[in-house]
Every structure is written in C-alpha cells, then in structure tokens.
Amino acid sequence: MNINSKVREIRKSKGITQVFVAKQLGIAVQTYNGYELGRREIKAETLRNIASILNEPVENFFDNNLYDSKKNESKEAI
C-alpha cells in the first residue's frame, strides 16, 4: 500500500473528512483529494502536517513490510 492510500485509510478510520483536513492544511479539497488518490505527490512537510492533523505518527503512513525485510536482510548477513 502506498503512502497516499495509507493517508486515506487512516483518515477514514478516524471518521475525519477530506474537507476538515483540507481546511486545516489551508488548501482546496480538490488538492487534498489529489493527494489521497495519488494524483499529487505528498511532500514531506505536508505529510507531517497531515499526520499532526490526524494525530498519527508519520511512521504509520509507511509500509512496515519494507522495514521488516531490511531487518531480516541484516540478520541473515550475520
């Protein structure tokens, strides 16, 4: 799952609307919708702001499997 989809999933799980997040960011709803649909790239600063609005650690927007596979590679090398 990509970051855009993860943002959408977390926002919806908290019952927060796109309108609310867009207003908090000071951007148009269409712009925010573009982030969630992957039509627009979410810059690091914007992701930090979204994480803050959703009261969620930034790490939760990333695929943990990526980090798990890197950890396993390190263990196999030992």
C-alpha atoms as a PDB file:
ATOM      1  CA  MET A   1       0.000   0.000   0.000  1.00  0.00           C
ATOM      2  CA  ASN A   2       1.409   3.399  -0.926  1.00  0.00           C
ATOM      3  CA  ILE A   3       1.511   6.478   1.287  1.00  0.00           C
ATOM      4  CA  ASN A   4      -1.434   8.114  -0.485  1.00  0.00           C
ATOM      5  CA  SER A   5      -3.675   5.115   0.181  1.00  0.00           C
ATOM      6  CA  LYS A   6      -2.451   4.883   3.760  1.00  0.00           C
ATOM      7  CA  VAL A   7      -3.350   8.546   4.375  1.00  0.00           C
ATOM      8  CA  ARG A   8      -6.853   7.869   3.085  1.00  0.00           C
ATOM      9  CA  GLU A   9      -7.218   4.670   5.127  1.00  0.00           C
ATOM     10  CA  ILE A  10      -6.097   6.300   8.385  1.00  0.00           C
ATOM     11  CA  ARG A  11      -8.237   9.406   7.828  1.00  0.00           C
ATOM     12  CA  LYS A  12     -11.343   7.328   7.129  1.00  0.00           C
ATOM     13  CA  SER A  13     -10.693   5.034  10.115  1.00  0.00           C
ATOM     14  CA  LYS A  14     -10.811   8.107  12.354  1.00  0.00           C
ATOM     15  CA  GLY A  15     -14.051   9.385  10.819  1.00  0.00           C
ATOM     16  CA  ILE A  16     -12.400  12.601   9.617  1.00  0.00           C
ATOM     17  CA  THR A  17     -13.497  14.185   6.333  1.00  0.00           C
ATOM     18  CA  GLN A  18     -11.324  15.381   3.487  1.00  0.00           C
ATOM     19  CA  VAL A  19     -12.936  18.792   3.907  1.00  0.00           C
ATOM     20  CA  PHE A  20     -11.728  19.009   7.517  1.00  0.00           C
ATOM     21  CA  VAL A  21      -8.140  18.023   6.665  1.00  0.00           C
ATOM     22  CA  ALA A  22      -8.015  20.354   3.657  1.00  0.00           C
ATOM     23  CA  LYS A  23      -9.243  23.287   5.770  1.00  0.00           C
ATOM     24  CA  GLN A  24      -6.646  22.542   8.442  1.00  0.00           C
ATOM     25  CA  LEU A  25      -3.929  22.458   5.761  1.00  0.00           C
ATOM     26  CA  GLY A  26      -5.264  25.649   4.155  1.00  0.00           C
ATOM     27  CA  ILE A  27      -5.655  24.019   0.741  1.00  0.00           C
ATOM     28  CA  ALA A  28      -8.535  23.251  -1.610  1.00  0.00           C
ATOM     29  CA  VAL A  29     -10.414  19.991  -1.065  1.00  0.00           C
ATOM     30  CA  GLN A  30      -9.606  19.045  -4.671  1.00  0.00           C
ATOM     31  CA  THR A  31      -5.895  19.379  -3.924  1.00  0.00           C
ATOM     32  CA  TYR A  32      -6.180  17.184  -0.842  1.00  0.00           C
ATOM     33  CA  ASN A  33      -8.260  14.656  -2.772  1.00  0.00           C
ATOM     34  CA  GLY A  34      -5.450  14.536  -5.337  1.00  0.00           C
ATOM     35  CA  TYR A  35      -3.035  13.570  -2.560  1.00  0.00           C
ATOM     36  CA  GLU A  36      -5.180  10.669  -1.436  1.00  0.00           C
ATOM     37  CA  LEU A  37      -5.815   9.440  -4.967  1.00  0.00           C
ATOM     38  CA  GLY A  38      -2.128   9.589  -5.863  1.00  0.00           C
ATOM     39  CA  ARG A  39      -2.611  12.285  -8.499  1.00  0.00           C
ATOM     40  CA  ARG A  40      -0.429  14.650  -6.476  1.00  0.00           C
ATOM     41  CA  GLU A  41       2.809  13.947  -4.686  1.00  0.00           C
ATOM     42  CA  ILE A  42       2.696  14.454  -0.922  1.00  0.00           C
ATOM     43  CA  LYS A  43       5.777  16.393   0.125  1.00  0.00           C
ATOM     44  CA  ALA A  44       7.418  15.530   3.462  1.00  0.00           C
ATOM     45  CA  GLU A  45       6.258  18.713   5.183  1.00  0.00           C
ATOM     46  CA  THR A  46       2.679  18.175   4.026  1.00  0.00           C
ATOM     47  CA  LEU A  47       2.766  14.586   5.268  1.00  0.00           C
ATOM     48  CA  ARG A  48       4.000  15.786   8.662  1.00  0.00           C
ATOM     49  CA  ASN A  49       1.109  18.268   8.777  1.00  0.00           C
ATOM     50  CA  ILE A  50      -1.425  15.593   7.790  1.00  0.00           C
ATOM     51  CA  ALA A  51      -0.011  13.264  10.451  1.00  0.00           C
ATOM     52  CA  SER A  52      -0.394  16.015  13.033  1.00  0.00           C
ATOM     53  CA  ILE A  53      -3.991  16.744  11.994  1.00  0.00           C
ATOM     54  CA  LEU A  54      -4.841  13.035  12.170  1.00  0.00           C
ATOM     55  CA  ASN A  55      -2.920  12.687  15.454  1.00  0.00           C
ATOM     56  CA  GLU A  56      -0.894   9.843  13.986  1.00  0.00           C
ATOM     57  CA  PRO A  57       2.877   9.217  13.935  1.00  0.00           C
ATOM     58  CA  VAL A  58       4.386   9.781  10.475  1.00  0.00           C
ATOM     59  CA  GLU A  59       5.831   6.249  10.546  1.00  0.00           C
ATOM     60  CA  ASN A  60       2.313   4.825  10.368  1.00  0.00           C
ATOM     61  CA  PHE A  61       1.953   6.102   6.795  1.00  0.00           C
ATOM     62  CA  PHE A  62       4.760   3.889   5.552  1.00  0.00           C
ATOM     63  CA  ASP A  63       4.672   0.200   4.691  1.00  0.00           C
ATOM     64  CA  ASN A  64       6.170  -1.640   7.657  1.00  0.00           C
ATOM     65  CA  ASN A  65       6.969  -4.662   5.472  1.00  0.00           C
ATOM     66  CA  LEU A  66       9.722  -2.658   3.814  1.00  0.00           C
ATOM     67  CA  TYR A  67      11.435  -2.113   7.134  1.00  0.00           C
ATOM     68  CA  ASP A  68      10.874  -5.721   8.220  1.00  0.00           C
ATOM     69  CA  SER A  69      12.549  -7.033   5.070  1.00  0.00           C
ATOM     70  CA  LYS A  70      15.556  -4.764   5.661  1.00  0.00           C
ATOM     71  CA  LYS A  71      15.816  -6.060   9.244  1.00  0.00           C
ATOM     72  CA  ASN A  72      15.706  -9.658   8.003  1.00  0.00           C
ATOM     73  CA  GLU A  73      18.467  -8.972   5.473  1.00  0.00           C
ATOM     74  CA  SER A  74      20.645  -7.631   8.284  1.00  0.00           C
ATOM     75  CA  LYS A  75      20.051 -10.743  10.410  1.00  0.00           C
ATOM     76  CA  GLU A  76      20.847 -13.060   7.500  1.00  0.00           C
ATOM     77  CA  ALA A  77      24.157 -11.294   6.914  1.00  0.00           C
ATOM     78  CA  ILE A  78      25.319 -12.041  10.486  1.00  0.00           C
END
